[in-house]
C-alpha atoms as a PDB file:
ATOM      1  CA  MET A   1       2.315  31.281  59.955  1.00  0.00           C
ATOM      2  CA  GLY A   2       4.603  28.541  61.222  1.00  0.00           C
ATOM      3  CA  ARG A   3       8.287  29.123  61.514  1.00  0.00           C
ATOM      4  CA  LYS A   4      10.452  27.767  58.740  1.00  0.00           C
ATOM      5  CA  LYS A   5      12.558  24.736  59.651  1.00  0.00           C
ATOM      6  CA  GLN A   6      16.084  25.838  60.512  1.00  0.00           C
ATOM      7  CA  GLN A   7      18.681  24.262  58.247  1.00  0.00           C
ATOM      8  CA  THR A   8      22.214  23.644  59.422  1.00  0.00           C
ATOM      9  CA  VAL A   9      24.922  24.850  57.082  1.00  0.00           C
ATOM     10  CA  ASP A  10      28.448  23.475  57.428  1.00  0.00           C
ATOM     11  CA  LEU A  11      30.936  26.194  56.495  1.00  0.00           C
ATOM     12  CA  ASP A  12      33.947  24.599  58.166  1.00  0.00           C
ATOM     13  CA  THR A  13      36.238  25.265  55.257  1.00  0.00           C
ATOM     14  CA  GLU A  14      39.248  25.512  57.568  1.00  0.00           C
ATOM     15  CA  ARG A  15      39.321  21.690  57.713  1.00  0.00           C
ATOM     16  CA  GLY A  16      38.997  21.405  53.953  1.00  0.00           C
ATOM     17  CA  ILE A  17      35.299  20.487  54.070  1.00  0.00           C
ATOM     18  CA  ALA A  18      33.125  21.858  51.267  1.00  0.00           C
ATOM     19  CA  PRO A  19      30.192  24.015  52.404  1.00  0.00           C
ATOM     20  CA  GLY A  20      26.849  22.201  52.386  1.00  0.00           C
ATOM     21  CA  LEU A  21      23.733  21.186  54.285  1.00  0.00           C
ATOM     22  CA  VAL A  22      23.863  18.600  57.077  1.00  0.00           C
ATOM     23  CA  ALA A  23      20.898  16.230  57.118  1.00  0.00           C
ATOM     24  CA  LYS A  24      20.128  13.821  59.944  1.00  0.00           C
ATOM     25  CA  THR A  25      18.871  10.953  57.793  1.00  0.00           C
ATOM     26  CA  LYS A  26      18.512   7.463  59.253  1.00  0.00           C
ATOM     27  CA  LYS A  27      19.345   4.237  57.443  1.00  0.00           C
ATOM     28  CA  ARG A  28      16.350   2.109  56.521  1.00  0.00           C
ATOM     29  CA  LEU A  29      16.533  -1.633  55.918  1.00  0.00           C
ATOM     30  CA  VAL A  30      14.134  -2.896  53.264  1.00  0.00           C
ATOM     31  CA  VAL A  31      13.632  -6.532  52.221  1.00  0.00           C
ATOM     32  CA  ALA A  32      12.039  -7.507  48.903  1.00  0.00           C
ATOM     33  CA  SER A  33      11.390 -10.916  47.402  1.00  0.00           C
ATOM     34  CA  GLY A  34      11.300 -12.488  44.006  1.00  0.00           C
ATOM     35  CA  ARG A  35       8.776 -15.231  43.326  1.00  0.00           C
ATOM     36  CA  SER A  36      11.152 -18.213  43.486  1.00  0.00           C
ATOM     37  CA  HIS A  37      11.004 -18.840  47.262  1.00  0.00           C
ATOM     38  CA  GLU A  38       8.597 -16.360  48.850  1.00  0.00           C
ATOM     39  CA  GLU A  39       8.198 -18.514  51.969  1.00  0.00           C
ATOM     40  CA  LEU A  40      11.910 -18.217  52.771  1.00  0.00           C
ATOM     41  CA  SER A  41      11.879 -14.461  52.089  1.00  0.00           C
ATOM     42  CA  ALA A  42       8.935 -13.974  54.439  1.00  0.00           C
ATOM     43  CA  GLU A  43      10.719 -15.955  57.169  1.00  0.00           C
ATOM     44  CA  VAL A  44      13.825 -13.779  56.783  1.00  0.00           C
ATOM     45  CA  ALA A  45      11.755 -10.595  56.998  1.00  0.00           C
ATOM     46  CA  THR A  46       9.995 -11.886  60.114  1.00  0.00           C
ATOM     47  CA  ALA A  47      13.330 -12.761  61.724  1.00  0.00           C
ATOM     48  CA  LEU A  48      14.465  -9.190  61.047  1.00  0.00           C
ATOM     49  CA  GLY A  49      11.273  -7.781  62.566  1.00  0.00           C
ATOM     50  CA  THR A  50       9.969  -6.286  59.327  1.00  0.00           C
ATOM     51  CA  GLN A  51       7.786  -7.156  56.327  1.00  0.00           C
ATOM     52  CA  LEU A  52       8.463  -7.687  52.641  1.00  0.00           C
ATOM     53  CA  VAL A  53       8.093  -4.708  50.310  1.00  0.00           C
ATOM     54  CA  PRO A  54       4.674  -4.824  48.598  1.00  0.00           C
ATOM     55  CA  THR A  55       5.605  -5.744  45.048  1.00  0.00           C
ATOM     56  CA  GLU A  56       3.638  -6.240  41.853  1.00  0.00           C
ATOM     57  CA  HIS A  57       4.799  -9.165  39.728  1.00  0.00           C
ATOM     58  CA  ARG A  58       3.453  -9.893  36.262  1.00  0.00           C
ATOM     59  CA  THR A  59       4.307 -12.420  33.580  1.00  0.00           C
ATOM     60  CA  PHE A  60       2.696 -11.492  30.285  1.00  0.00           C
ATOM     61  CA  ALA A  61       1.358 -13.945  27.721  1.00  0.00           C
ATOM     62  CA  SER A  62       4.549 -13.506  25.717  1.00  0.00           C
ATOM     63  CA  GLY A  63       6.628 -14.578  28.730  1.00  0.00           C
ATOM     64  CA  GLU A  64       7.969 -11.094  29.476  1.00  0.00           C
ATOM     65  CA  ILE A  65       8.239 -10.141  33.145  1.00  0.00           C
ATOM     66  CA  LEU A  66       7.245  -6.875  34.832  1.00  0.00           C
ATOM     67  CA  THR A  67       8.054  -5.922  38.410  1.00  0.00           C
ATOM     68  CA  ARG A  68       7.010  -2.748  40.227  1.00  0.00           C
ATOM     69  CA  PHE A  69       7.529  -1.810  43.865  1.00  0.00           C
ATOM     70  CA  GLU A  70       4.264  -0.413  45.200  1.00  0.00           C
ATOM     71  CA  VAL A  71       5.912   1.875  47.792  1.00  0.00           C
ATOM     72  CA  SER A  72       8.884   4.242  47.776  1.00  0.00           C
ATOM     73  CA  ILE A  73      12.306   2.677  48.389  1.00  0.00           C
ATOM     74  CA  ARG A  74      14.295   5.879  47.794  1.00  0.00           C
ATOM     75  CA  GLY A  75      17.445   6.015  49.902  1.00  0.00           C
ATOM     76  CA  CYS A  76      16.890   2.550  51.413  1.00  0.00           C
ATOM     77  CA  ASP A  77      19.390  -0.208  52.118  1.00  0.00           C
ATOM     78  CA  PHE A  78      17.674  -2.679  49.795  1.00  0.00           C
ATOM     79  CA  PHE A  79      18.025  -6.477  50.125  1.00  0.00           C
ATOM     80  CA  LEU A  80      16.520  -8.570  47.316  1.00  0.00           C
ATOM     81  CA  ILE A  81      16.057 -12.240  48.224  1.00  0.00           C
ATOM     82  CA  GLN A  82      15.824 -14.632  45.308  1.00  0.00           C
ATOM     83  CA  SER A  83      16.668 -18.319  45.323  1.00  0.00           C
ATOM     84  CA  PHE A  84      17.398 -20.102  42.083  1.00  0.00           C
ATOM     85  CA  GLY A  85      15.637 -23.412  41.937  1.00  0.00           C
ATOM     86  CA  PRO A  86      13.867 -24.404  38.716  1.00  0.00           C
ATOM     87  CA  PRO A  87      13.015 -22.646  36.439  1.00  0.00           C
ATOM     88  CA  VAL A  88      16.370 -20.977  37.075  1.00  0.00           C
ATOM     89  CA  ASN A  89      16.424 -18.855  33.919  1.00  0.00           C
ATOM     90  CA  GLU A  90      13.050 -17.266  34.669  1.00  0.00           C
ATOM     91  CA  TRP A  91      14.111 -16.378  38.208  1.00  0.00           C
ATOM     92  CA  LEU A  92      17.412 -15.003  36.928  1.00  0.00           C
ATOM     93  CA  MET A  93      15.612 -12.701  34.500  1.00  0.00           C
ATOM     94  CA  GLU A  94      13.166 -11.636  37.207  1.00  0.00           C
ATOM     95  CA  THR A  95      16.079 -10.784  39.497  1.00  0.00           C
ATOM     96  CA  LEU A  96      17.726  -8.592  36.866  1.00  0.00           C
ATOM     97  CA  ILE A  97      14.454  -6.759  36.239  1.00  0.00           C
ATOM     98  CA  MET A  98      13.895  -6.223  39.982  1.00  0.00           C
ATOM     99  CA  LEU A  99      17.446  -4.892  40.349  1.00  0.00           C
ATOM    100  CA  ASP A 100      16.861  -2.452  37.507  1.00  0.00           C
ATOM    101  CA  ALA A 101      13.605  -1.316  39.104  1.00  0.00           C
ATOM    102  CA  ALA A 102      15.317  -0.805  42.476  1.00  0.00           C
ATOM    103  CA  LYS A 103      18.162   1.147  40.897  1.00  0.00           C
ATOM    104  CA  ARG A 104      15.743   3.415  39.027  1.00  0.00           C
ATOM    105  CA  ALA A 105      13.702   3.838  42.231  1.00  0.00           C
ATOM    106  CA  SER A 106      16.830   5.345  43.858  1.00  0.00           C
ATOM    107  CA  ALA A 107      17.588   2.649  46.423  1.00  0.00           C
ATOM    108  CA  LYS A 108      20.798   3.713  48.134  1.00  0.00           C
ATOM    109  CA  ARG A 109      22.539   0.337  48.351  1.00  0.00           C
ATOM    110  CA  ILE A 110      21.318  -2.845  46.659  1.00  0.00           C
ATOM    111  CA  THR A 111      22.251  -6.344  47.834  1.00  0.00           C
ATOM    112  CA  VAL A 112      21.286  -9.556  46.036  1.00  0.00           C
ATOM    113  CA  VAL A 113      20.674 -12.317  48.575  1.00  0.00           C
ATOM    114  CA  ALA A 114      20.967 -15.497  46.495  1.00  0.00           C
ATOM    115  CA  PRO A 115      21.029 -18.436  48.938  1.00  0.00           C
ATOM    116  CA  TYR A 116      21.874 -20.685  45.987  1.00  0.00           C
ATOM    117  CA  PHE A 117      24.001 -18.911  43.365  1.00  0.00           C
ATOM    118  CA  PRO A 118      22.829 -19.768  39.829  1.00  0.00           C
ATOM    119  CA  TYR A 119      25.218 -21.419  37.373  1.00  0.00           C
ATOM    120  CA  SER A 120      27.750 -21.866  40.184  1.00  0.00           C
ATOM    121  CA  ARG A 121      28.992 -25.173  38.746  1.00  0.00           C
ATOM    122  CA  GLN A 122      30.129 -23.409  35.576  1.00  0.00           C
ATOM    123  CA  ASP A 123      32.964 -21.619  37.365  1.00  0.00           C
ATOM    124  CA  LYS A 124      35.805 -22.522  34.975  1.00  0.00           C
ATOM    125  CA  LYS A 125      36.504 -23.908  31.528  1.00  0.00           C
ATOM    126  CA  GLY A 126      36.692 -27.695  31.683  1.00  0.00           C
ATOM    127  CA  ARG A 127      37.174 -27.969  27.930  1.00  0.00           C
ATOM    128  CA  GLY A 128      37.876 -25.568  25.077  1.00  0.00           C
ATOM    129  CA  ARG A 129      35.137 -23.203  23.863  1.00  0.00           C
ATOM    130  CA  GLU A 130      33.105 -23.484  27.085  1.00  0.00           C
ATOM    131  CA  PRO A 131      31.557 -20.498  28.899  1.00  0.00           C
ATOM    132  CA  ILE A 132      32.277 -19.418  32.474  1.00  0.00           C
ATOM    133  CA  SER A 133      28.629 -18.804  33.238  1.00  0.00           C
ATOM    134  CA  ALA A 134      29.066 -18.061  36.953  1.00  0.00           C
ATOM    135  CA  ARG A 135      31.166 -15.025  35.971  1.00  0.00           C
ATOM    136  CA  LEU A 136      28.501 -13.989  33.468  1.00  0.00           C
ATOM    137  CA  VAL A 137      25.803 -14.093  36.177  1.00  0.00           C
ATOM    138  CA  ALA A 138      27.971 -11.950  38.469  1.00  0.00           C
ATOM    139  CA  ASP A 139      28.453  -9.429  35.651  1.00  0.00           C
ATOM    140  CA  LEU A 140      24.695  -9.361  34.994  1.00  0.00           C
ATOM    141  CA  PHE A 141      23.964  -8.657  38.680  1.00  0.00           C
ATOM    142  CA  LYS A 142      26.465  -5.791  38.689  1.00  0.00           C
ATOM    143  CA  THR A 143      25.213  -4.284  35.439  1.00  0.00           C
ATOM    144  CA  ALA A 144      21.583  -4.488  36.584  1.00  0.00           C
ATOM    145  CA  GLY A 145      22.371  -2.486  39.718  1.00  0.00           C
ATOM    146  CA  ALA A 146      23.613  -4.758  42.524  1.00  0.00           C
ATOM    147  CA  ASP A 147      26.238  -3.267  44.844  1.00  0.00           C
ATOM    148  CA  ARG A 148      26.707  -6.413  46.907  1.00  0.00           C
ATOM    149  CA  VAL A 149      26.028 -10.155  46.716  1.00  0.00           C
ATOM    150  CA  MET A 150      25.264 -12.562  49.567  1.00  0.00           C
ATOM    151  CA  SER A 151      25.150 -16.333  49.062  1.00  0.00           C
ATOM    152  CA  VAL A 152      25.400 -19.598  50.987  1.00  0.00           C
ATOM    153  CA  ASP A 153      28.005 -22.294  50.315  1.00  0.00           C
ATOM    154  CA  LEU A 154      29.214 -21.307  46.861  1.00  0.00           C
ATOM    155  CA  HIS A 155      30.143 -24.342  44.781  1.00  0.00           C
ATOM    156  CA  ALA A 156      33.584 -22.810  44.246  1.00  0.00           C
ATOM    157  CA  ALA A 157      35.125 -20.119  46.453  1.00  0.00           C
ATOM    158  CA  GLN A 158      36.632 -18.280  43.477  1.00  0.00           C
ATOM    159  CA  ILE A 159      33.143 -17.122  42.463  1.00  0.00           C
ATOM    160  CA  GLN A 160      33.616 -14.423  45.109  1.00  0.00           C
ATOM    161  CA  GLY A 161      36.182 -12.855  42.783  1.00  0.00           C
ATOM    162  CA  PHE A 162      33.805 -12.803  39.823  1.00  0.00           C
ATOM    163  CA  PHE A 163      31.728  -9.963  41.310  1.00  0.00           C
ATOM    164  CA  ASP A 164      33.207  -6.455  41.257  1.00  0.00           C
ATOM    165  CA  GLY A 165      32.094  -5.539  44.776  1.00  0.00           C
ATOM    166  CA  PRO A 166      31.649  -7.064  48.241  1.00  0.00           C
ATOM    167  CA  VAL A 167      30.543 -10.703  48.408  1.00  0.00           C
ATOM    168  CA  ASP A 168      29.321 -12.211  51.687  1.00  0.00           C
ATOM    169  CA  HIS A 169      29.972 -15.947  51.496  1.00  0.00           C
ATOM    170  CA  LEU A 170      27.883 -17.610  54.213  1.00  0.00           C
ATOM    171  CA  PHE A 171      28.193 -21.201  55.400  1.00  0.00           C
ATOM    172  CA  ALA A 172      25.328 -23.524  56.301  1.00  0.00           C
ATOM    173  CA  LYS A 173      27.657 -25.721  58.332  1.00  0.00           C
ATOM    174  CA  PRO A 174      26.649 -24.191  61.724  1.00  0.00           C
ATOM    175  CA  VAL A 175      22.972 -24.966  60.971  1.00  0.00           C
ATOM    176  CA  LEU A 176      23.675 -28.554  59.908  1.00  0.00           C
ATOM    177  CA  LEU A 177      26.273 -29.121  62.618  1.00  0.00           C
ATOM    178  CA  GLU A 178      23.889 -28.094  65.387  1.00  0.00           C
ATOM    179  CA  TYR A 179      21.350 -30.635  64.114  1.00  0.00           C
ATOM    180  CA  PHE A 180      23.837 -33.516  64.213  1.00  0.00           C
ATOM    181  CA  GLN A 181      25.224 -32.510  67.603  1.00  0.00           C
ATOM    182  CA  ASN A 182      21.667 -32.703  68.966  1.00  0.00           C
ATOM    183  CA  THR A 183      20.549 -35.893  67.203  1.00  0.00           C
ATOM    184  CA  LEU A 184      23.550 -38.228  66.996  1.00  0.00           C
ATOM    185  CA  SER A 185      23.782 -40.568  69.958  1.00  0.00           C
ATOM    186  CA  ALA A 186      26.976 -41.020  71.944  1.00  0.00           C
ATOM    187  CA  ASP A 187      27.410 -44.424  70.270  1.00  0.00           C
ATOM    188  CA  ASP A 188      27.006 -42.855  66.824  1.00  0.00           C
ATOM    189  CA  ARG A 189      29.532 -40.129  67.684  1.00  0.00           C
ATOM    190  CA  ALA A 190      32.042 -42.771  68.761  1.00  0.00           C
ATOM    191  CA  LYS A 191      31.736 -44.544  65.384  1.00  0.00           C
ATOM    192  CA  LEU A 192      31.389 -41.424  63.226  1.00  0.00           C
ATOM    193  CA  THR A 193      33.459 -40.906  60.071  1.00  0.00           C
ATOM    194  CA  VAL A 194      33.086 -37.813  57.887  1.00  0.00           C
ATOM    195  CA  VAL A 195      33.203 -38.654  54.184  1.00  0.00           C
ATOM    196  CA  SER A 196      33.973 -36.395  51.240  1.00  0.00           C
ATOM    197  CA  PRO A 197      32.089 -37.597  48.135  1.00  0.00           C
ATOM    198  CA  ASP A 198      34.962 -36.456  45.892  1.00  0.00           C
ATOM    199  CA  THR A 199      38.395 -34.867  46.086  1.00  0.00           C
ATOM    200  CA  GLY A 200      36.960 -31.415  45.362  1.00  0.00           C
ATOM    201  CA  ARG A 201      35.090 -31.332  48.702  1.00  0.00           C
ATOM    202  CA  VAL A 202      37.956 -32.561  50.884  1.00  0.00           C
ATOM    203  CA  ARG A 203      38.670 -29.140  52.399  1.00  0.00           C
ATOM    204  CA  VAL A 204      35.036 -28.720  53.505  1.00  0.00           C
ATOM    205  CA  ALA A 205      34.843 -32.282  54.822  1.00  0.00           C
ATOM    206  CA  ASP A 206      38.069 -31.678  56.743  1.00  0.00           C
ATOM    207  CA  THR A 207      36.480 -28.779  58.646  1.00  0.00           C
ATOM    208  CA  TRP A 208      33.550 -31.063  59.508  1.00  0.00           C
ATOM    209  CA  SER A 209      36.023 -33.668  60.711  1.00  0.00           C
ATOM    210  CA  ASP A 210      37.645 -31.130  63.035  1.00  0.00           C
ATOM    211  CA  SER A 211      34.320 -29.845  64.372  1.00  0.00           C
ATOM    212  CA  LEU A 212      32.959 -33.323  65.132  1.00  0.00           C
ATOM    213  CA  GLY A 213      36.249 -34.855  66.235  1.00  0.00           C
ATOM    214  CA  ALA A 214      35.781 -37.645  63.697  1.00  0.00           C
ATOM    215  CA  PRO A 215      38.195 -39.245  61.193  1.00  0.00           C
ATOM    216  CA  LEU A 216      37.981 -38.388  57.499  1.00  0.00           C
ATOM    217  CA  ALA A 217      37.446 -40.657  54.498  1.00  0.00           C
ATOM    218  CA  ILE A 218      37.533 -39.674  50.831  1.00  0.00           C
ATOM    219  CA  ILE A 219      35.806 -41.220  47.829  1.00  0.00           C
ATOM    220  CA  HIS A 220      37.736 -41.014  44.596  1.00  0.00           C
ATOM    221  CA  LYS A 221      35.423 -40.804  41.600  1.00  0.00           C
ATOM    222  CA  ARG A 222      35.710 -40.333  37.883  1.00  0.00           C
ATOM    223  CA  ARG A 223      33.194 -38.438  35.765  1.00  0.00           C
ATOM    224  CA  ASP A 224      32.868 -38.712  31.978  1.00  0.00           C
ATOM    225  CA  PRO A 225      33.250 -35.089  30.742  1.00  0.00           C
ATOM    226  CA  ASN A 226      31.096 -35.891  27.717  1.00  0.00           C
ATOM    227  CA  VAL A 227      28.145 -37.322  29.670  1.00  0.00           C
ATOM    228  CA  ALA A 228      26.196 -35.179  32.148  1.00  0.00           C
ATOM    229  CA  ASN A 229      25.346 -36.546  35.608  1.00  0.00           C
ATOM    230  CA  GLN A 230      27.226 -39.832  35.122  1.00  0.00           C
ATOM    231  CA  VAL A 231      29.619 -40.858  37.904  1.00  0.00           C
ATOM    232  CA  THR A 232      31.832 -43.899  38.423  1.00  0.00           C
ATOM    233  CA  VAL A 233      33.099 -44.535  41.957  1.00  0.00           C
ATOM    234  CA  ASN A 234      36.633 -45.924  42.007  1.00  0.00           C
ATOM    235  CA  GLU A 235      37.916 -46.356  45.560  1.00  0.00           C
ATOM    236  CA  ILE A 236      37.546 -45.233  49.168  1.00  0.00           C
ATOM    237  CA  VAL A 237      40.506 -43.748  51.034  1.00  0.00           C
ATOM    238  CA  GLY A 238      40.007 -44.247  54.765  1.00  0.00           C
ATOM    239  CA  GLN A 239      38.355 -46.666  57.185  1.00  0.00           C
ATOM    240  CA  VAL A 240      34.566 -46.991  56.873  1.00  0.00           C
ATOM    241  CA  GLU A 241      33.854 -50.585  57.931  1.00  0.00           C
ATOM    242  CA  GLY A 242      31.510 -50.651  60.926  1.00  0.00           C
ATOM    243  CA  ARG A 243      31.354 -46.839  60.946  1.00  0.00           C
ATOM    244  CA  VAL A 244      28.509 -44.312  60.859  1.00  0.00           C
ATOM    245  CA  CYS A 245      29.395 -42.333  57.724  1.00  0.00           C
ATOM    246  CA  LEU A 246      28.404 -38.701  57.315  1.00  0.00           C
ATOM    247  CA  LEU A 247      28.582 -37.707  53.638  1.00  0.00           C
ATOM    248  CA  VAL A 248      28.894 -33.914  53.308  1.00  0.00           C
ATOM    249  CA  ASP A 249      28.403 -31.941  50.099  1.00  0.00           C
ATOM    250  CA  ASP A 250      27.320 -28.473  49.019  1.00  0.00           C
ATOM    251  CA  MET A 251      24.438 -29.589  46.805  1.00  0.00           C
ATOM    252  CA  ILE A 252      22.434 -32.531  45.574  1.00  0.00           C
ATOM    253  CA  ASP A 253      21.185 -32.202  42.013  1.00  0.00           C
ATOM    254  CA  THR A 254      20.136 -35.493  40.422  1.00  0.00           C
ATOM    255  CA  GLY A 255      21.555 -37.485  43.334  1.00  0.00           C
ATOM    256  CA  GLY A 256      23.797 -39.695  41.201  1.00  0.00           C
ATOM    257  CA  THR A 257      27.053 -38.821  42.990  1.00  0.00           C
ATOM    258  CA  ILE A 258      25.625 -39.200  46.498  1.00  0.00           C
ATOM    259  CA  VAL A 259      23.831 -42.506  45.835  1.00  0.00           C
ATOM    260  CA  LYS A 260      26.875 -44.126  44.226  1.00  0.00           C
ATOM    261  CA  ALA A 261      29.007 -42.903  47.120  1.00  0.00           C
ATOM    262  CA  ALA A 262      26.536 -44.295  49.678  1.00  0.00           C
ATOM    263  CA  GLN A 263      26.382 -47.629  47.855  1.00  0.00           C
ATOM    264  CA  ALA A 264      30.184 -47.822  47.860  1.00  0.00           C
ATOM    265  CA  LEU A 265      30.286 -47.074  51.591  1.00  0.00           C
ATOM    266  CA  LYS A 266      27.738 -49.773  52.397  1.00  0.00           C
ATOM    267  CA  ALA A 267      29.571 -52.222  50.112  1.00  0.00           C
ATOM    268  CA  ASN A 268      32.711 -51.535  52.154  1.00  0.00           C
ATOM    269  CA  GLY A 269      30.974 -52.320  55.447  1.00  0.00           C
ATOM    270  CA  ALA A 270      29.586 -48.979  56.604  1.00  0.00           C
ATOM    271  CA  GLU A 271      26.957 -49.417  59.334  1.00  0.00           C
ATOM    272  CA  ARG A 272      24.893 -46.331  58.435  1.00  0.00           C
ATOM    273  CA  VAL A 273      25.155 -43.583  55.847  1.00  0.00           C
ATOM    274  CA  ILE A 274      23.819 -40.084  56.558  1.00  0.00           C
ATOM    275  CA  VAL A 275      23.892 -37.398  53.863  1.00  0.00           C
ATOM    276  CA  ALA A 276      24.239 -33.686  54.689  1.00  0.00           C
ATOM    277  CA  ALA A 277      23.980 -31.033  51.973  1.00  0.00           C
ATOM    278  CA  THR A 278      23.171 -27.340  51.809  1.00  0.00           C
ATOM    279  CA  HIS A 279      21.300 -27.005  48.527  1.00  0.00           C
ATOM    280  CA  ALA A 280      18.552 -29.514  47.710  1.00  0.00           C
ATOM    281  CA  ILE A 281      18.197 -28.950  43.955  1.00  0.00           C
ATOM    282  CA  PHE A 282      16.638 -32.412  43.560  1.00  0.00           C
ATOM    283  CA  SER A 283      16.288 -32.491  39.791  1.00  0.00           C
ATOM    284  CA  ASP A 284      14.435 -35.606  38.661  1.00  0.00           C
ATOM    285  CA  PRO A 285      14.978 -38.403  39.532  1.00  0.00           C
ATOM    286  CA  ALA A 286      16.802 -37.293  42.723  1.00  0.00           C
ATOM    287  CA  ALA A 287      13.876 -37.868  45.120  1.00  0.00           C
ATOM    288  CA  GLU A 288      13.556 -41.481  43.964  1.00  0.00           C
ATOM    289  CA  ARG A 289      17.299 -42.128  43.970  1.00  0.00           C
ATOM    290  CA  LEU A 290      17.779 -40.764  47.488  1.00  0.00           C
ATOM    291  CA  GLN A 291      15.345 -43.328  48.859  1.00  0.00           C
ATOM    292  CA  ASP A 292      17.926 -46.002  47.981  1.00  0.00           C
ATOM    293  CA  PRO A 293      18.442 -48.538  50.833  1.00  0.00           C
ATOM    294  CA  SER A 294      22.098 -47.459  51.092  1.00  0.00           C
ATOM    295  CA  ILE A 295      21.047 -44.052  52.489  1.00  0.00           C
ATOM    296  CA  ASP A 296      19.621 -43.923  56.015  1.00  0.00           C
ATOM    297  CA  GLU A 297      18.932 -40.175  56.270  1.00  0.00           C
ATOM    298  CA  VAL A 298      19.238 -37.030  54.137  1.00  0.00           C
ATOM    299  CA  VAL A 299      19.576 -33.635  55.857  1.00  0.00           C
ATOM    300  CA  VAL A 300      19.402 -30.409  53.826  1.00  0.00           C
ATOM    301  CA  THR A 301      18.519 -26.736  54.292  1.00  0.00           C
ATOM    302  CA  ASP A 302      15.715 -24.830  52.587  1.00  0.00           C
ATOM    303  CA  THR A 303      17.887 -22.547  50.422  1.00  0.00           C
ATOM    304  CA  VAL A 304      15.921 -23.923  47.464  1.00  0.00           C
ATOM    305  CA  PRO A 305      12.143 -24.568  47.617  1.00  0.00           C
ATOM    306  CA  LEU A 306      11.172 -28.229  47.698  1.00  0.00           C
ATOM    307  CA  PRO A 307       7.639 -29.119  46.564  1.00  0.00           C
ATOM    308  CA  PRO A 308       5.789 -31.913  48.430  1.00  0.00           C
ATOM    309  CA  GLU A 309       6.321 -34.426  45.623  1.00  0.00           C
ATOM    310  CA  LYS A 310      10.116 -34.183  46.098  1.00  0.00           C
ATOM    311  CA  ARG A 311      10.012 -34.908  49.839  1.00  0.00           C
ATOM    312  CA  PHE A 312      10.305 -38.366  51.396  1.00  0.00           C
ATOM    313  CA  PRO A 313      10.261 -39.891  54.906  1.00  0.00           C
ATOM    314  CA  ALA A 314      14.050 -39.975  55.400  1.00  0.00           C
ATOM    315  CA  LEU A 315      14.436 -36.284  54.469  1.00  0.00           C
ATOM    316  CA  THR A 316      15.004 -33.552  57.075  1.00  0.00           C
ATOM    317  CA  ILE A 317      14.848 -29.883  56.009  1.00  0.00           C
ATOM    318  CA  LEU A 318      16.488 -27.279  58.259  1.00  0.00           C
ATOM    319  CA  PRO A 319      15.608 -23.544  58.122  1.00  0.00           C
ATOM    320  CA  ILE A 320      18.256 -21.216  56.697  1.00  0.00           C
ATOM    321  CA  ALA A 321      16.286 -17.986  57.352  1.00  0.00           C
ATOM    322  CA  PRO A 322      17.837 -17.243  60.796  1.00  0.00           C
ATOM    323  CA  LEU A 323      21.344 -17.377  59.287  1.00  0.00           C
ATOM    324  CA  LEU A 324      20.381 -15.100  56.386  1.00  0.00           C
ATOM    325  CA  ALA A 325      18.622 -12.653  58.708  1.00  0.00           C
ATOM    326  CA  ARG A 326      21.626 -12.391  60.991  1.00  0.00           C
ATOM    327  CA  ALA A 327      23.972 -11.789  58.041  1.00  0.00           C
ATOM    328  CA  ILE A 328      21.661  -9.130  56.601  1.00  0.00           C
ATOM    329  CA  ARG A 329      21.557  -7.369  59.955  1.00  0.00           C
ATOM    330  CA  GLU A 330      25.351  -7.437  60.234  1.00  0.00           C
ATOM    331  CA  VAL A 331      25.695  -5.890  56.770  1.00  0.00           C
ATOM    332  CA  PHE A 332      23.041  -3.260  57.462  1.00  0.00           C
ATOM    333  CA  GLU A 333      24.566  -2.267  60.805  1.00  0.00           C
ATOM    334  CA  ASP A 334      28.115  -2.277  59.375  1.00  0.00           C
ATOM    335  CA  GLY A 335      28.985  -5.215  61.607  1.00  0.00           C
ATOM    336  CA  SER A 336      31.070  -8.299  60.907  1.00  0.00           C
ATOM    337  CA  VAL A 337      29.763 -11.220  58.854  1.00  0.00           C
ATOM    338  CA  THR A 338      33.069 -13.012  59.435  1.00  0.00           C
ATOM    339  CA  SER A 339      32.393 -13.119  63.178  1.00  0.00           C
ATOM    340  CA  MET A 340      29.420 -15.405  62.492  1.00  0.00           C
ATOM    341  CA  PHE A 341      31.776 -18.169  61.338  1.00  0.00           C
ATOM    342  CA  ASP A 342      34.740 -17.804  63.722  1.00  0.00           C
ATOM    343  CA  GLY A 343      36.698 -15.782  61.185  1.00  0.00           C
ATOM    344  CA  ALA A 344      36.279 -18.259  58.318  1.00  0.00           C
ATOM    345  CA  ALA A 345      33.982 -16.184  56.073  1.00  0.00           C
END
């Protein structure tokens, strides 16, 4: 008969340590994916040198969702990647169900990786009797079993405080910035002006201005609170005549804000207008609007899946998977996510 495995017992009560068994368990990183953007999830897993957890997904005739992990995830450091393009409510429900399944499967630590955070624009009450839906989503994640949340370019930084646990707020700026540093000519760089499409994005645009060594311009706009997706551009603060204007924003939804801003820039003598945004929501009719003659190029990342019918010749899509993979590795290895962004995260 084989010898029984020797167990180590810690009886060092002199240091105030309770007696118990010492196990040499190793941490295990596991990546799972919802159905919203499986291509991105697979790219993240590949960048990490692993594969996605085999997962069964079902949507019944009634619309109810079932998720089951086909292998054990007990004791794992579990990262669930789910983007939130349309239909956002279905993907949100699927995420909650997957979190519940992971919690009941005894995953040790559960992190929701939501490149685009759902309902992020509903971060405060603009009028009486309105919800703060971004806070509700954070509460749902926590209740369903999430210990940590990771997201890219939150629409409002205060959303970090809505979640009762660690939040890793990543920035797509390094990905976009590298593209422009490699593609803008010396002549373009000499005439470059960074433009904020509204006063709410001035702080972000200012960091772009510093990084590119370019002056800053601001577009002042008014929005009718009673009419969705309707914008009126009022005036431009800054010099844009004869300049190459780089419009920076966190997301493009229907494209109304960006197109009106680009039209105003061209009307004020801008030579070229380039749009840079993290999240390409592209709700109809965004794809058509963004092909307006006032816009010369649109550069986005793939935090949200874009079907072929929403792509156009002037659109450039940059991969966000390497950034997500690096952040996941830093979290898993108890490293520093902040170090990825020169202390800004």
